[in-house]
């Protein structure tokens, strides 16, 4: 095996190791007021998700009924996540006034890095963060195996799409156009 091939294999292994460890984060102490409330994920069913955002806002998906919500599982260190950001921001800018909201669930290891990117990119939507040293409660509970992952919640609060990355704007517009019962 030549040295170039060995280096490529090593780089691939390191990248896989980094990805496999992305769901390992600290969680607030059990019973902490900052502990998230997370339900199970099932298409066509309500998604329970409550937490205190990094900016102090209380986030509760059940209070966003009547809006289409993107739940964006991401991190600032994730190249594909950062490449998706322009399309996420464009959809938000175009459709927010029509009833589109975003809730970010960050897998970042450093809260300062998250805060810097949120500020620099003018991301107005709330972000969830857990300091790293244990499990990422929301990611673990919802079975998030890789990022970026984007889920769409319809106006009734039901999980409708587990893979909203491709054609995000069109998917949101379709959900916004649906008649509410």
Protein backbone atom coordinates (compact mmCIF):
# COMPACT_ATOMS: atom_id res chain seq x y z
CA UNK A 1 0.00 0.00 0.00
CA UNK A 2 1.51 3.32 -1.01
CA UNK A 3 1.73 6.24 1.42
CA UNK A 4 -0.92 8.29 -0.41
CA UNK A 5 -3.43 5.46 -0.14
CA UNK A 6 -2.60 5.02 3.54
CA UNK A 7 -3.07 8.75 4.18
CA UNK A 8 -6.47 8.69 2.43
CA UNK A 9 -7.56 5.69 4.52
CA UNK A 10 -6.41 7.45 7.69
CA UNK A 11 -8.25 10.65 6.76
CA UNK A 12 -11.41 8.63 6.04
CA UNK A 13 -11.15 6.85 9.39
CA UNK A 14 -10.66 10.13 11.24
CA UNK A 15 -13.65 11.68 9.47
CA UNK A 16 -15.83 8.69 10.36
CA UNK A 17 -14.64 8.85 13.95
CA UNK A 18 -15.54 12.53 14.14
CA UNK A 19 -19.00 11.86 12.70
CA UNK A 20 -19.65 8.92 15.00
CA UNK A 21 -18.81 11.03 18.04
CA UNK A 22 -21.04 13.96 17.06
CA UNK A 23 -23.95 12.67 19.12
CA UNK A 24 -21.90 12.50 22.33
CA UNK A 25 -22.72 15.58 24.38
CA UNK A 26 -23.35 16.50 27.96
CA UNK A 27 -26.86 16.86 29.21
CA UNK A 28 -28.21 19.02 31.99
CA UNK A 29 -28.67 17.21 35.28
CA UNK A 30 -31.82 15.14 35.56
CA UNK A 31 -34.55 17.31 37.00
CA UNK A 32 -32.81 20.48 35.82
CA UNK A 33 -35.12 23.20 34.58
CA UNK A 34 -32.97 23.29 31.44
CA UNK A 35 -33.60 19.62 30.64
CA UNK A 36 -35.42 19.24 27.32
CA UNK A 37 -38.73 17.46 26.98
CA UNK A 38 -38.68 15.19 23.96
CA UNK A 39 -41.25 12.77 22.63
CA UNK A 40 -40.88 10.03 20.05
CA UNK A 41 -40.75 10.73 16.33
CA UNK A 42 -43.40 9.22 14.06
CA UNK A 43 -44.58 10.51 10.70
CA UNK A 44 -48.10 11.91 10.93
CA UNK A 45 -47.95 12.22 14.72
CA UNK A 46 -47.27 15.27 16.90
CA UNK A 47 -43.63 15.82 17.81
CA UNK A 48 -43.12 16.81 21.43
CA UNK A 49 -40.14 19.10 21.79
CA UNK A 50 -39.67 21.65 24.57
CA UNK A 51 -36.47 23.37 25.65
CA UNK A 52 -34.89 26.62 26.72
CA UNK A 53 -32.98 28.17 23.81
CA UNK A 54 -29.51 29.66 24.06
CA UNK A 55 -31.04 33.16 23.99
CA UNK A 56 -33.38 32.34 26.89
CA UNK A 57 -36.54 31.79 24.82
CA UNK A 58 -38.79 28.93 25.86
CA UNK A 59 -39.41 26.70 22.84
CA UNK A 60 -42.43 24.41 22.71
CA UNK A 61 -43.49 22.96 19.35
CA UNK A 62 -47.07 22.55 20.59
CA UNK A 63 -47.29 26.35 20.87
CA UNK A 64 -46.29 26.72 17.22
CA UNK A 65 -49.44 25.05 15.87
CA UNK A 66 -50.69 26.99 12.87
CA UNK A 67 -47.12 27.37 11.60
CA UNK A 68 -44.91 25.11 9.50
CA UNK A 69 -41.74 24.39 11.49
CA UNK A 70 -38.35 23.17 10.34
CA UNK A 71 -36.43 21.33 13.06
CA UNK A 72 -32.83 21.67 11.91
CA UNK A 73 -30.29 19.31 13.53
CA UNK A 74 -26.90 20.81 12.76
CA UNK A 75 -23.52 22.09 14.00
CA UNK A 76 -21.17 24.91 13.08
CA UNK A 77 -18.28 22.46 12.58
CA UNK A 78 -20.31 20.36 10.13
CA UNK A 79 -19.35 21.32 6.56
CA UNK A 80 -22.56 20.03 4.94
CA UNK A 81 -24.61 21.87 7.60
CA UNK A 82 -22.90 25.15 6.82
CA UNK A 83 -23.36 24.58 3.07
CA UNK A 84 -27.12 24.13 3.69
CA UNK A 85 -27.38 27.37 5.68
CA UNK A 86 -27.88 29.73 2.70
CA UNK A 87 -30.90 27.75 1.46
CA UNK A 88 -32.31 27.53 5.00
CA UNK A 89 -31.93 31.30 5.45
CA UNK A 90 -33.44 31.98 2.01
CA UNK A 91 -36.50 29.85 2.81
CA UNK A 92 -36.86 31.58 6.18
CA UNK A 93 -36.54 35.06 4.67
CA UNK A 94 -39.09 34.29 1.96
CA UNK A 95 -41.64 32.30 3.98
CA UNK A 96 -41.39 33.46 7.61
CA UNK A 97 -44.12 36.08 7.16
CA UNK A 98 -46.39 33.35 5.71
CA UNK A 99 -46.07 31.17 8.81
CA UNK A 100 -42.70 29.37 8.56
CA UNK A 101 -40.55 28.96 11.68
CA UNK A 102 -37.25 27.24 12.33
CA UNK A 103 -36.00 25.59 15.50
CA UNK A 104 -32.29 24.76 15.57
CA UNK A 105 -30.93 21.80 17.50
CA UNK A 106 -27.18 22.29 17.67
CA UNK A 107 -24.71 19.44 18.06
CA UNK A 108 -21.91 21.92 18.66
CA UNK A 109 -19.31 21.21 21.31
CA UNK A 110 -18.64 24.88 22.00
CA UNK A 111 -21.43 27.31 22.88
CA UNK A 112 -19.26 30.29 21.94
CA UNK A 113 -18.75 28.97 18.41
CA UNK A 114 -22.51 28.50 18.06
CA UNK A 115 -23.20 32.01 19.33
CA UNK A 116 -20.67 33.52 16.90
CA UNK A 117 -22.18 31.78 13.86
CA UNK A 118 -25.76 32.58 14.91
CA UNK A 119 -24.82 36.25 15.24
CA UNK A 120 -22.68 36.44 12.09
CA UNK A 121 -25.33 34.70 9.97
CA UNK A 122 -28.27 36.63 11.51
CA UNK A 123 -30.07 33.43 12.43
CA UNK A 124 -33.17 34.74 14.19
CA UNK A 125 -34.58 31.37 15.17
CA UNK A 126 -34.00 29.69 18.56
CA UNK A 127 -31.15 27.23 19.09
CA UNK A 128 -30.83 24.29 21.48
CA UNK A 129 -27.37 23.53 22.89
CA UNK A 130 -26.01 20.96 25.34
CA UNK A 131 -22.47 21.21 26.66
CA UNK A 132 -20.34 18.23 25.66
CA UNK A 133 -19.47 15.41 28.06
CA UNK A 134 -22.36 12.99 27.79
CA UNK A 135 -25.29 12.14 25.57
CA UNK A 136 -27.15 14.70 23.44
CA UNK A 137 -30.63 14.13 24.85
CA UNK A 138 -32.65 15.39 21.92
CA UNK A 139 -30.46 13.70 19.31
CA UNK A 140 -30.40 10.44 21.25
CA UNK A 141 -34.15 10.40 21.95
CA UNK A 142 -35.08 11.19 18.35
CA UNK A 143 -32.56 8.78 16.83
CA UNK A 144 -30.54 11.40 14.96
CA UNK A 145 -27.63 9.44 13.50
CA UNK A 146 -26.07 12.12 11.32
CA UNK A 147 -26.22 15.81 10.62
CA UNK A 148 -27.45 17.79 8.85
CA UNK A 149 -30.91 16.38 9.38
CA UNK A 150 -34.01 18.49 8.72
CA UNK A 151 -37.53 17.61 9.74
CA UNK A 152 -40.73 19.45 8.83
CA UNK A 153 -43.70 19.82 11.14
CA UNK A 154 -47.05 20.77 9.59
CA UNK A 155 -49.51 23.41 10.82
CA UNK A 156 -51.25 20.83 13.02
CA UNK A 157 -47.98 20.04 14.82
CA UNK A 158 -47.49 16.67 13.13
CA UNK A 159 -44.16 15.41 11.86
CA UNK A 160 -44.46 15.25 8.08
CA UNK A 161 -40.99 14.98 6.58
CA UNK A 162 -37.80 13.38 7.89
CA UNK A 163 -35.61 14.46 4.97
CA UNK A 164 -36.38 18.09 4.11
CA UNK A 165 -32.90 19.06 2.92
CA UNK A 166 -33.60 18.74 -0.78
CA UNK A 167 -36.07 21.31 -2.10
CA UNK A 168 -36.70 22.83 1.34
CA UNK A 169 -38.48 25.94 0.08
CA UNK A 170 -40.89 23.97 -2.14
CA UNK A 171 -41.63 21.50 0.67
CA UNK A 172 -42.42 24.34 3.08
CA UNK A 173 -44.61 26.10 0.51
CA UNK A 174 -46.56 22.87 -0.04
CA UNK A 175 -47.22 22.50 3.70
CA UNK A 176 -48.14 26.18 4.02
CA UNK A 177 -50.67 25.77 1.20
CA UNK A 178 -52.47 22.85 2.86
CA UNK A 179 -55.90 23.64 4.24
CA UNK A 180 -56.20 23.30 7.96
CA UNK A 181 -59.09 21.19 9.29
